[in-house]
Amino acid sequence: MGSQDRKAEADAVMDRFTADAYLARIGAARPAVADADALRELHLRHLLTVPFENLSIHLGEDIVLEESALVAKLLRGRGGFCYELNGAFCALLREIGFEAEMLAARVFGDDGRLGPPYDHMALRVRTATGEEALADVGFGRHSRYPLDWRSRDEQDDPGGVFRIAAAPDGSGDLDVLRDGAAQYRLEQRPRGLGDFESTCWWQRTWPGSHFRQSPVCSRFTGDGRVTLAGRTLVVTGRTGEDGREARAERELAGRDEVLAAYREHFGIALDREPVAVGAASR
């Protein structure tokens, strides 16, 4: 995708009115200057308010990788997975004065093997004051704040110790590490939303995809996370003077309690319970 095509994609829906509605959705003010401090605040506010969720897969809803669809879903109070969250965030950043590019990544599995191409989307962001950052509001347990794109040193963040390193295969790609473990391998070539469509379809339809195993909705809370996986509600957070992590887990009794949990913890109003693809109706 050429630069003119990417600009046309960015201009497709995100005008000032829509951007203001987006900012209101995440509880953020329009920054006076699109600098690093503003990006940090927007990144954190996004994580605190917009959940990572795969509910569309388990509700039989289509996932359309077009800017208008992504932003409209978010403004309805929903979240999404990486393509949706970072795709929408990219559009917002561009409208309010940042330069933002979508980058393709491959996620490292527990066995150290890489996932398929376009397995994940992250953002390279340039501020109006010359900084460059890696922003990612769609990768579960990740940094709370953008990472310094140019640094190859360890970067302390409340979410862990991160480092951006040259991939050892000499490809020119970059590995993003958290606490010494590689999380994903990132291309440096800018991409457009259309480039992610095939892998997004594969993630939604392949029976072995982890996105199809259970409905999941998760949101950062400031000192922990709240996650609803199927009918299991898990709340974690820091407690006590020593900052120990507390964990509370319980099984919800049925449909009404599940729908109430979506409303209370994620602001998502549903008229039916998401049921794992292929699971029997309950």
C-alpha atoms as a PDB file:
ATOM      1  CA  MET A   1       0.000   0.000   0.000  1.00  0.00           C
ATOM      2  CA  GLY A   2       1.422   3.358  -1.051  1.00  0.00           C
ATOM      3  CA  SER A   3       1.516   6.532   1.020  1.00  0.00           C
ATOM      4  CA  GLN A   4      -1.458   8.048  -0.847  1.00  0.00           C
ATOM      5  CA  ASP A   5      -3.529   4.914  -0.218  1.00  0.00           C
ATOM      6  CA  ARG A   6      -2.638   4.967   3.487  1.00  0.00           C
ATOM      7  CA  LYS A   7      -3.603   8.638   3.704  1.00  0.00           C
ATOM      8  CA  ALA A   8      -6.923   7.938   1.985  1.00  0.00           C
ATOM      9  CA  GLU A   9      -7.547   5.149   4.466  1.00  0.00           C
ATOM     10  CA  ALA A  10      -6.736   7.478   7.375  1.00  0.00           C
ATOM     11  CA  ASP A  11      -9.080  10.149   5.992  1.00  0.00           C
ATOM     12  CA  ALA A  12     -11.915   7.687   5.467  1.00  0.00           C
ATOM     13  CA  VAL A  13     -13.915   8.469   8.611  1.00  0.00           C
ATOM     14  CA  MET A  14     -11.866  10.118  11.337  1.00  0.00           C
ATOM     15  CA  ASP A  15     -12.849  13.777  11.330  1.00  0.00           C
ATOM     16  CA  ARG A  16     -12.718  16.166  14.287  1.00  0.00           C
ATOM     17  CA  PHE A  17     -16.237  15.303  15.446  1.00  0.00           C
ATOM     18  CA  THR A  18     -15.531  11.570  15.428  1.00  0.00           C
ATOM     19  CA  ALA A  19     -12.164  12.055  17.114  1.00  0.00           C
ATOM     20  CA  ASP A  20     -13.794  14.084  19.883  1.00  0.00           C
ATOM     21  CA  ALA A  21     -16.323  11.287  20.422  1.00  0.00           C
ATOM     22  CA  TYR A  22     -13.438   8.780  20.546  1.00  0.00           C
ATOM     23  CA  LEU A  23     -11.574  10.914  23.082  1.00  0.00           C
ATOM     24  CA  ALA A  24     -14.721  11.136  25.200  1.00  0.00           C
ATOM     25  CA  ARG A  25     -15.040   7.328  24.999  1.00  0.00           C
ATOM     26  CA  ILE A  26     -11.603   6.913  26.590  1.00  0.00           C
ATOM     27  CA  GLY A  27     -11.977   9.838  28.982  1.00  0.00           C
ATOM     28  CA  ALA A  28      -9.190  11.903  27.453  1.00  0.00           C
ATOM     29  CA  ALA A  29      -8.928  15.536  26.384  1.00  0.00           C
ATOM     30  CA  ARG A  30      -7.687  16.600  22.970  1.00  0.00           C
ATOM     31  CA  PRO A  31      -3.989  17.376  23.509  1.00  0.00           C
ATOM     32  CA  ALA A  32      -2.738  20.871  22.803  1.00  0.00           C
ATOM     33  CA  VAL A  33       0.463  19.352  21.386  1.00  0.00           C
ATOM     34  CA  ALA A  34       0.853  15.853  19.970  1.00  0.00           C
ATOM     35  CA  ASP A  35       3.938  15.149  22.086  1.00  0.00           C
ATOM     36  CA  ALA A  36       5.255  12.159  24.031  1.00  0.00           C
ATOM     37  CA  ASP A  37       3.388  13.075  27.222  1.00  0.00           C
ATOM     38  CA  ALA A  38       0.102  13.257  25.336  1.00  0.00           C
ATOM     39  CA  LEU A  39       0.767   9.883  23.716  1.00  0.00           C
ATOM     40  CA  ARG A  40       1.494   8.317  27.120  1.00  0.00           C
ATOM     41  CA  GLU A  41      -1.792   9.618  28.505  1.00  0.00           C
ATOM     42  CA  LEU A  42      -3.826   8.461  25.503  1.00  0.00           C
ATOM     43  CA  HIS A  43      -2.195   5.024  25.586  1.00  0.00           C
ATOM     44  CA  LEU A  44      -2.982   4.543  29.276  1.00  0.00           C
ATOM     45  CA  ARG A  45      -6.541   5.860  28.974  1.00  0.00           C
ATOM     46  CA  HIS A  46      -7.190   3.461  26.092  1.00  0.00           C
ATOM     47  CA  LEU A  47      -6.043   0.468  28.138  1.00  0.00           C
ATOM     48  CA  LEU A  48      -8.169   1.545  31.115  1.00  0.00           C
ATOM     49  CA  THR A  49     -11.386   1.994  29.168  1.00  0.00           C
ATOM     50  CA  VAL A  50     -11.454  -0.154  26.018  1.00  0.00           C
ATOM     51  CA  PRO A  51     -11.387  -3.910  26.634  1.00  0.00           C
ATOM     52  CA  PHE A  52      -9.534  -6.517  24.664  1.00  0.00           C
ATOM     53  CA  GLU A  53     -12.310  -8.871  23.580  1.00  0.00           C
ATOM     54  CA  ASN A  54     -13.167 -11.515  20.997  1.00  0.00           C
ATOM     55  CA  LEU A  55     -16.922 -11.501  21.580  1.00  0.00           C
ATOM     56  CA  SER A  56     -17.825 -10.898  17.931  1.00  0.00           C
ATOM     57  CA  ILE A  57     -16.510 -14.344  17.041  1.00  0.00           C
ATOM     58  CA  HIS A  58     -18.811 -15.970  19.601  1.00  0.00           C
ATOM     59  CA  LEU A  59     -21.811 -13.783  18.804  1.00  0.00           C
ATOM     60  CA  GLY A  60     -21.687 -14.560  15.097  1.00  0.00           C
ATOM     61  CA  GLU A  61     -20.810 -10.960  14.215  1.00  0.00           C
ATOM     62  CA  ASP A  62     -18.569 -10.105  11.289  1.00  0.00           C
ATOM     63  CA  ILE A  63     -15.265  -8.338  11.912  1.00  0.00           C
ATOM     64  CA  VAL A  64     -14.699  -5.746   9.223  1.00  0.00           C
ATOM     65  CA  LEU A  65     -11.214  -4.275   8.969  1.00  0.00           C
ATOM     66  CA  GLU A  66     -12.326  -0.886   7.718  1.00  0.00           C
ATOM     67  CA  GLU A  67     -11.750   2.291   9.668  1.00  0.00           C
ATOM     68  CA  SER A  68     -15.416   3.256   9.804  1.00  0.00           C
ATOM     69  CA  ALA A  69     -16.416  -0.148  11.186  1.00  0.00           C
ATOM     70  CA  LEU A  70     -13.633  -0.249  13.772  1.00  0.00           C
ATOM     71  CA  VAL A  71     -14.341   3.227  15.112  1.00  0.00           C
ATOM     72  CA  ALA A  72     -18.116   2.707  15.113  1.00  0.00           C
ATOM     73  CA  LYS A  73     -17.727  -0.482  17.151  1.00  0.00           C
ATOM     74  CA  LEU A  74     -15.573   1.289  19.707  1.00  0.00           C
ATOM     75  CA  LEU A  75     -17.995   4.214  19.946  1.00  0.00           C
ATOM     76  CA  ARG A  76     -20.801   1.714  20.650  1.00  0.00           C
ATOM     77  CA  GLY A  77     -18.944   0.794  23.827  1.00  0.00           C
ATOM     78  CA  ARG A  78     -17.260  -2.328  22.528  1.00  0.00           C
ATOM     79  CA  GLY A  79     -13.601  -3.293  22.299  1.00  0.00           C
ATOM     80  CA  GLY A  80     -11.928  -5.798  20.015  1.00  0.00           C
ATOM     81  CA  PHE A  81      -8.711  -7.686  19.406  1.00  0.00           C
ATOM     82  CA  CYS A  82      -5.417  -6.331  18.136  1.00  0.00           C
ATOM     83  CA  TYR A  83      -6.407  -5.412  14.571  1.00  0.00           C
ATOM     84  CA  GLU A  84      -9.482  -3.555  15.806  1.00  0.00           C
ATOM     85  CA  LEU A  85      -7.948  -1.806  18.807  1.00  0.00           C
ATOM     86  CA  ASN A  86      -4.694  -0.695  17.217  1.00  0.00           C
ATOM     87  CA  GLY A  87      -6.408   0.017  13.888  1.00  0.00           C
ATOM     88  CA  ALA A  88      -8.863   2.406  15.532  1.00  0.00           C
ATOM     89  CA  PHE A  89      -6.190   3.954  17.762  1.00  0.00           C
ATOM     90  CA  CYS A  90      -4.032   4.596  14.707  1.00  0.00           C
ATOM     91  CA  ALA A  91      -6.852   6.553  13.080  1.00  0.00           C
ATOM     92  CA  LEU A  92      -7.357   8.650  16.213  1.00  0.00           C
ATOM     93  CA  LEU A  93      -3.668   9.450  16.544  1.00  0.00           C
ATOM     94  CA  ARG A  94      -3.418  10.580  12.930  1.00  0.00           C
ATOM     95  CA  GLU A  95      -6.364  12.959  13.278  1.00  0.00           C
ATOM     96  CA  ILE A  96      -5.051  14.687  16.402  1.00  0.00           C
ATOM     97  CA  GLY A  97      -1.576  15.426  15.073  1.00  0.00           C
ATOM     98  CA  PHE A  98       0.571  12.305  15.374  1.00  0.00           C
ATOM     99  CA  GLU A  99       2.109  10.355  12.517  1.00  0.00           C
ATOM    100  CA  ALA A 100       1.156   6.701  12.962  1.00  0.00           C
ATOM    101  CA  GLU A 101       1.889   3.577  10.940  1.00  0.00           C
ATOM    102  CA  MET A 102       0.441   0.091  11.274  1.00  0.00           C
ATOM    103  CA  LEU A 103       3.087  -2.627  11.492  1.00  0.00           C
ATOM    104  CA  ALA A 104       2.698  -6.371  11.131  1.00  0.00           C
ATOM    105  CA  ALA A 105       4.053  -8.743  13.750  1.00  0.00           C
ATOM    106  CA  ARG A 106       4.308 -12.483  14.445  1.00  0.00           C
ATOM    107  CA  VAL A 107       3.661 -13.598  18.010  1.00  0.00           C
ATOM    108  CA  PHE A 108       5.986 -16.013  19.782  1.00  0.00           C
ATOM    109  CA  GLY A 109       4.164 -19.040  21.167  1.00  0.00           C
ATOM    110  CA  ASP A 110       4.926 -20.731  24.482  1.00  0.00           C
ATOM    111  CA  ASP A 111       7.240 -23.091  22.581  1.00  0.00           C
ATOM    112  CA  GLY A 112       9.187 -20.173  21.094  1.00  0.00           C
ATOM    113  CA  ARG A 113       7.798 -20.690  17.601  1.00  0.00           C
ATOM    114  CA  LEU A 114       6.482 -17.754  15.624  1.00  0.00           C
ATOM    115  CA  GLY A 115       2.863 -17.458  14.578  1.00  0.00           C
ATOM    116  CA  PRO A 116       1.774 -16.698  11.011  1.00  0.00           C
ATOM    117  CA  PRO A 117       2.496 -13.440   9.188  1.00  0.00           C
ATOM    118  CA  TYR A 118       0.184 -10.594  10.217  1.00  0.00           C
ATOM    119  CA  ASP A 119      -0.525 -12.445  13.460  1.00  0.00           C
ATOM    120  CA  HIS A 120      -0.562  -9.138  15.334  1.00  0.00           C
ATOM    121  CA  MET A 121      -0.702  -5.407  14.658  1.00  0.00           C
ATOM    122  CA  ALA A 122       1.247  -2.714  16.528  1.00  0.00           C
ATOM    123  CA  LEU A 123       1.896   0.962  15.819  1.00  0.00           C
ATOM    124  CA  ARG A 124       4.949   3.077  15.134  1.00  0.00           C
ATOM    125  CA  VAL A 125       4.157   6.645  16.196  1.00  0.00           C
ATOM    126  CA  ARG A 126       6.032   9.889  15.586  1.00  0.00           C
ATOM    127  CA  THR A 127       5.177  12.858  17.749  1.00  0.00           C
ATOM    128  CA  ALA A 128       5.039  16.509  16.701  1.00  0.00           C
ATOM    129  CA  THR A 129       8.155  17.086  18.820  1.00  0.00           C
ATOM    130  CA  GLY A 130      10.291  14.446  17.115  1.00  0.00           C
ATOM    131  CA  GLU A 131      10.033  11.374  19.354  1.00  0.00           C
ATOM    132  CA  GLU A 132       9.296   7.912  17.957  1.00  0.00           C
ATOM    133  CA  ALA A 133       7.398   5.293  19.929  1.00  0.00           C
ATOM    134  CA  LEU A 134       6.041   1.767  19.729  1.00  0.00           C
ATOM    135  CA  ALA A 135       2.396   1.926  20.803  1.00  0.00           C
ATOM    136  CA  ASP A 136       0.303  -1.183  21.357  1.00  0.00           C
ATOM    137  CA  VAL A 137      -3.136  -1.135  22.992  1.00  0.00           C
ATOM    138  CA  GLY A 138      -4.084  -4.607  21.760  1.00  0.00           C
ATOM    139  CA  PHE A 139      -1.702  -7.160  23.268  1.00  0.00           C
ATOM    140  CA  GLY A 140      -3.005  -8.208  26.666  1.00  0.00           C
ATOM    141  CA  ARG A 141      -0.228  -8.055  29.247  1.00  0.00           C
ATOM    142  CA  HIS A 142       2.045  -5.491  27.666  1.00  0.00           C
ATOM    143  CA  SER A 143       3.509  -2.095  28.480  1.00  0.00           C
ATOM    144  CA  ARG A 144       1.168   0.471  29.969  1.00  0.00           C
ATOM    145  CA  TYR A 145       2.991   3.243  28.159  1.00  0.00           C
ATOM    146  CA  PRO A 146       4.492   3.493  24.657  1.00  0.00           C
ATOM    147  CA  LEU A 147       8.071   2.278  24.307  1.00  0.00           C
ATOM    148  CA  ASP A 148      10.908   4.395  22.943  1.00  0.00           C
ATOM    149  CA  TRP A 149      11.254   3.132  19.375  1.00  0.00           C
ATOM    150  CA  ARG A 150      14.880   4.200  19.004  1.00  0.00           C
ATOM    151  CA  SER A 151      16.202   2.708  22.244  1.00  0.00           C
ATOM    152  CA  ARG A 152      17.721  -0.765  22.315  1.00  0.00           C
ATOM    153  CA  ASP A 153      18.240  -0.627  26.072  1.00  0.00           C
ATOM    154  CA  GLU A 154      15.932  -2.046  28.710  1.00  0.00           C
ATOM    155  CA  GLN A 155      12.891   0.146  29.328  1.00  0.00           C
ATOM    156  CA  ASP A 156      11.212   0.023  32.736  1.00  0.00           C
ATOM    157  CA  ASP A 157       7.433   0.117  32.683  1.00  0.00           C
ATOM    158  CA  PRO A 158       4.812  -0.764  35.317  1.00  0.00           C
ATOM    159  CA  GLY A 159       3.979  -3.745  33.091  1.00  0.00           C
ATOM    160  CA  GLY A 160       7.533  -5.138  33.144  1.00  0.00           C
ATOM    161  CA  VAL A 161      10.995  -4.526  31.733  1.00  0.00           C
ATOM    162  CA  PHE A 162      10.838  -4.188  27.955  1.00  0.00           C
ATOM    163  CA  ARG A 163      13.450  -4.105  25.232  1.00  0.00           C
ATOM    164  CA  ILE A 164      13.302  -3.649  21.473  1.00  0.00           C
ATOM    165  CA  ALA A 165      16.091  -5.634  19.814  1.00  0.00           C
ATOM    166  CA  ALA A 166      17.182  -6.494  16.296  1.00  0.00           C
ATOM    167  CA  ALA A 167      15.841  -9.912  15.319  1.00  0.00           C
ATOM    168  CA  PRO A 168      18.698 -12.474  15.319  1.00  0.00           C
ATOM    169  CA  ASP A 169      17.799 -13.779  11.843  1.00  0.00           C
ATOM    170  CA  GLY A 170      19.211 -10.669  10.141  1.00  0.00           C
ATOM    171  CA  SER A 171      15.878  -9.863   8.501  1.00  0.00           C
ATOM    172  CA  GLY A 172      15.803  -6.280   9.724  1.00  0.00           C
ATOM    173  CA  ASP A 173      12.770  -7.088  11.858  1.00  0.00           C
ATOM    174  CA  LEU A 174      12.630  -6.202  15.557  1.00  0.00           C
ATOM    175  CA  ASP A 175      11.906  -8.426  18.543  1.00  0.00           C
ATOM    176  CA  VAL A 176       9.905  -6.959  21.422  1.00  0.00           C
ATOM    177  CA  LEU A 177      10.881  -8.563  24.729  1.00  0.00           C
ATOM    178  CA  ARG A 178       9.157  -8.430  28.115  1.00  0.00           C
ATOM    179  CA  ASP A 179      11.175  -9.458  31.169  1.00  0.00           C
ATOM    180  CA  GLY A 180      13.685 -11.123  28.844  1.00  0.00           C
ATOM    181  CA  ALA A 181      11.137 -13.214  26.924  1.00  0.00           C
ATOM    182  CA  ALA A 182      10.397 -12.445  23.270  1.00  0.00           C
ATOM    183  CA  GLN A 183       6.750 -11.435  22.799  1.00  0.00           C
ATOM    184  CA  TYR A 184       6.536 -10.744  19.079  1.00  0.00           C
ATOM    185  CA  ARG A 185       8.660 -10.063  15.997  1.00  0.00           C
ATOM    186  CA  LEU A 186       7.830  -6.791  14.306  1.00  0.00           C
ATOM    187  CA  GLU A 187       8.276  -5.794  10.676  1.00  0.00           C
ATOM    188  CA  GLN A 188       9.335  -2.212  10.010  1.00  0.00           C
ATOM    189  CA  ARG A 189       7.461  -1.799   6.728  1.00  0.00           C
ATOM    190  CA  PRO A 190       4.212   0.214   7.082  1.00  0.00           C
ATOM    191  CA  ARG A 191       1.014  -1.695   6.323  1.00  0.00           C
ATOM    192  CA  GLY A 192      -2.652  -0.905   5.717  1.00  0.00           C
ATOM    193  CA  LEU A 193      -5.718  -2.505   7.263  1.00  0.00           C
ATOM    194  CA  GLY A 194      -6.336  -4.579   4.158  1.00  0.00           C
ATOM    195  CA  ASP A 195      -3.012  -6.359   4.623  1.00  0.00           C
ATOM    196  CA  PHE A 196      -4.334  -7.970   7.819  1.00  0.00           C
ATOM    197  CA  GLU A 197      -7.616  -9.275   6.415  1.00  0.00           C
ATOM    198  CA  SER A 198      -6.480 -12.797   5.512  1.00  0.00           C
ATOM    199  CA  THR A 199      -4.915 -13.563   8.884  1.00  0.00           C
ATOM    200  CA  CYS A 200      -7.822 -11.918  10.695  1.00  0.00           C
ATOM    201  CA  TRP A 201     -10.175 -14.251   8.801  1.00  0.00           C
ATOM    202  CA  TRP A 202      -7.934 -17.214   9.675  1.00  0.00           C
ATOM    203  CA  GLN A 203      -7.916 -16.268  13.364  1.00  0.00           C
ATOM    204  CA  ARG A 204     -11.722 -16.110  13.339  1.00  0.00           C
ATOM    205  CA  THR A 205     -12.398 -19.315  11.391  1.00  0.00           C
ATOM    206  CA  TRP A 206      -9.580 -21.851  11.941  1.00  0.00           C
ATOM    207  CA  PRO A 207     -10.878 -24.402  14.495  1.00  0.00           C
ATOM    208  CA  GLY A 208      -7.510 -24.420  16.288  1.00  0.00           C
ATOM    209  CA  SER A 209      -7.376 -20.650  16.763  1.00  0.00           C
ATOM    210  CA  HIS A 210      -7.181 -19.698  20.434  1.00  0.00           C
ATOM    211  CA  PHE A 211      -9.615 -16.868  19.701  1.00  0.00           C
ATOM    212  CA  ARG A 212     -12.311 -19.474  18.976  1.00  0.00           C
ATOM    213  CA  GLN A 213     -11.891 -21.505  22.155  1.00  0.00           C
ATOM    214  CA  SER A 214     -13.813 -19.235  24.527  1.00  0.00           C
ATOM    215  CA  PRO A 215     -15.345 -15.763  24.715  1.00  0.00           C
ATOM    216  CA  VAL A 216     -12.805 -13.523  26.460  1.00  0.00           C
ATOM    217  CA  CYS A 217     -13.098  -9.915  27.601  1.00  0.00           C
ATOM    218  CA  SER A 218     -10.300  -8.268  29.589  1.00  0.00           C
ATOM    219  CA  ARG A 219      -9.508  -4.748  30.752  1.00  0.00           C
ATOM    220  CA  PHE A 220      -6.623  -3.143  32.617  1.00  0.00           C
ATOM    221  CA  THR A 221      -7.847  -1.564  35.870  1.00  0.00           C
ATOM    222  CA  GLY A 222      -4.843   0.487  36.977  1.00  0.00           C
ATOM    223  CA  ASP A 223      -3.416  -1.990  39.473  1.00  0.00           C
ATOM    224  CA  GLY A 224      -4.553  -5.253  37.884  1.00  0.00           C
ATOM    225  CA  ARG A 225      -7.024  -6.706  35.402  1.00  0.00           C
ATOM    226  CA  VAL A 226     -10.597  -7.840  35.237  1.00  0.00           C
ATOM    227  CA  THR A 227     -11.206 -10.733  32.846  1.00  0.00           C
ATOM    228  CA  LEU A 228     -14.318 -12.677  31.920  1.00  0.00           C
ATOM    229  CA  ALA A 229     -13.486 -15.921  30.088  1.00  0.00           C
ATOM    230  CA  GLY A 230     -16.623 -17.887  29.345  1.00  0.00           C
ATOM    231  CA  ARG A 231     -18.388 -17.755  32.705  1.00  0.00           C
ATOM    232  CA  THR A 232     -15.229 -17.412  34.790  1.00  0.00           C
ATOM    233  CA  LEU A 233     -14.667 -13.937  36.234  1.00  0.00           C
ATOM    234  CA  VAL A 234     -11.114 -13.172  37.398  1.00  0.00           C
ATOM    235  CA  VAL A 235     -10.129  -9.940  39.144  1.00  0.00           C
ATOM    236  CA  THR A 236      -6.499  -9.225  40.037  1.00  0.00           C
ATOM    237  CA  GLY A 237      -4.954  -6.227  41.738  1.00  0.00           C
ATOM    238  CA  ARG A 238      -2.281  -5.026  44.103  1.00  0.00           C
ATOM    239  CA  THR A 239      -3.037  -5.001  47.804  1.00  0.00           C
ATOM    240  CA  GLY A 240      -1.276  -4.183  51.062  1.00  0.00           C
ATOM    241  CA  GLU A 241       1.780  -2.059  51.715  1.00  0.00           C
ATOM    242  CA  ASP A 242       4.041  -4.568  50.011  1.00  0.00           C
ATOM    243  CA  GLY A 243       1.994  -4.416  46.795  1.00  0.00           C
ATOM    244  CA  ARG A 244       1.291  -8.130  46.669  1.00  0.00           C
ATOM    245  CA  GLU A 245      -1.008  -9.298  43.889  1.00  0.00           C
ATOM    246  CA  ALA A 246      -4.425 -10.486  45.000  1.00  0.00           C
ATOM    247  CA  ARG A 247      -6.581 -12.711  42.803  1.00  0.00           C
ATOM    248  CA  ALA A 248     -10.285 -13.424  43.060  1.00  0.00           C
ATOM    249  CA  GLU A 249     -11.914 -15.975  40.772  1.00  0.00           C
ATOM    250  CA  ARG A 250     -15.476 -17.222  40.627  1.00  0.00           C
ATOM    251  CA  GLU A 251     -17.869 -18.979  38.308  1.00  0.00           C
ATOM    252  CA  LEU A 252     -20.920 -16.943  37.330  1.00  0.00           C
ATOM    253  CA  ALA A 253     -24.222 -18.690  37.854  1.00  0.00           C
ATOM    254  CA  GLY A 254     -25.831 -18.206  34.469  1.00  0.00           C
ATOM    255  CA  ARG A 255     -26.791 -15.973  31.570  1.00  0.00           C
ATOM    256  CA  ASP A 256     -28.169 -13.070  33.592  1.00  0.00           C
ATOM    257  CA  GLU A 257     -25.097 -12.893  35.815  1.00  0.00           C
ATOM    258  CA  VAL A 258     -22.797 -13.057  32.798  1.00  0.00           C
ATOM    259  CA  LEU A 259     -24.595 -10.216  31.025  1.00  0.00           C
ATOM    260  CA  ALA A 260     -24.540  -8.152  34.242  1.00  0.00           C
ATOM    261  CA  ALA A 261     -20.763  -8.708  34.532  1.00  0.00           C
ATOM    262  CA  TYR A 262     -20.224  -7.448  30.970  1.00  0.00           C
ATOM    263  CA  ARG A 263     -22.171  -4.293  31.831  1.00  0.00           C
ATOM    264  CA  GLU A 264     -20.539  -3.695  35.220  1.00  0.00           C
ATOM    265  CA  HIS A 265     -16.908  -4.401  34.407  1.00  0.00           C
ATOM    266  CA  PHE A 266     -16.655  -3.514  30.717  1.00  0.00           C
ATOM    267  CA  GLY A 267     -19.589  -1.224  29.935  1.00  0.00           C
ATOM    268  CA  ILE A 268     -20.789  -3.697  27.297  1.00  0.00           C
ATOM    269  CA  ALA A 269     -24.541  -4.162  27.000  1.00  0.00           C
ATOM    270  CA  LEU A 270     -25.470  -7.421  25.280  1.00  0.00           C
ATOM    271  CA  ASP A 271     -28.883  -8.967  24.706  1.00  0.00           C
ATOM    272  CA  ARG A 272     -27.513 -12.515  24.610  1.00  0.00           C
ATOM    273  CA  GLU A 273     -24.612 -14.382  26.094  1.00  0.00           C
ATOM    274  CA  PRO A 274     -21.604 -15.098  23.868  1.00  0.00           C
ATOM    275  CA  VAL A 275     -21.192 -18.879  23.668  1.00  0.00           C
ATOM    276  CA  ALA A 276     -17.997 -20.550  22.511  1.00  0.00           C
ATOM    277  CA  VAL A 277     -18.121 -21.392  18.821  1.00  0.00           C
ATOM    278  CA  GLY A 278     -19.439 -24.926  18.463  1.00  0.00           C
ATOM    279  CA  ALA A 279     -20.491 -25.195  22.108  1.00  0.00           C
ATOM    280  CA  ALA A 280     -23.972 -26.418  22.932  1.00  0.00           C
ATOM    281  CA  SER A 281     -26.520 -23.810  23.936  1.00  0.00           C
ATOM    282  CA  ARG A 282     -26.919 -23.431  27.655  1.00  0.00           C
END
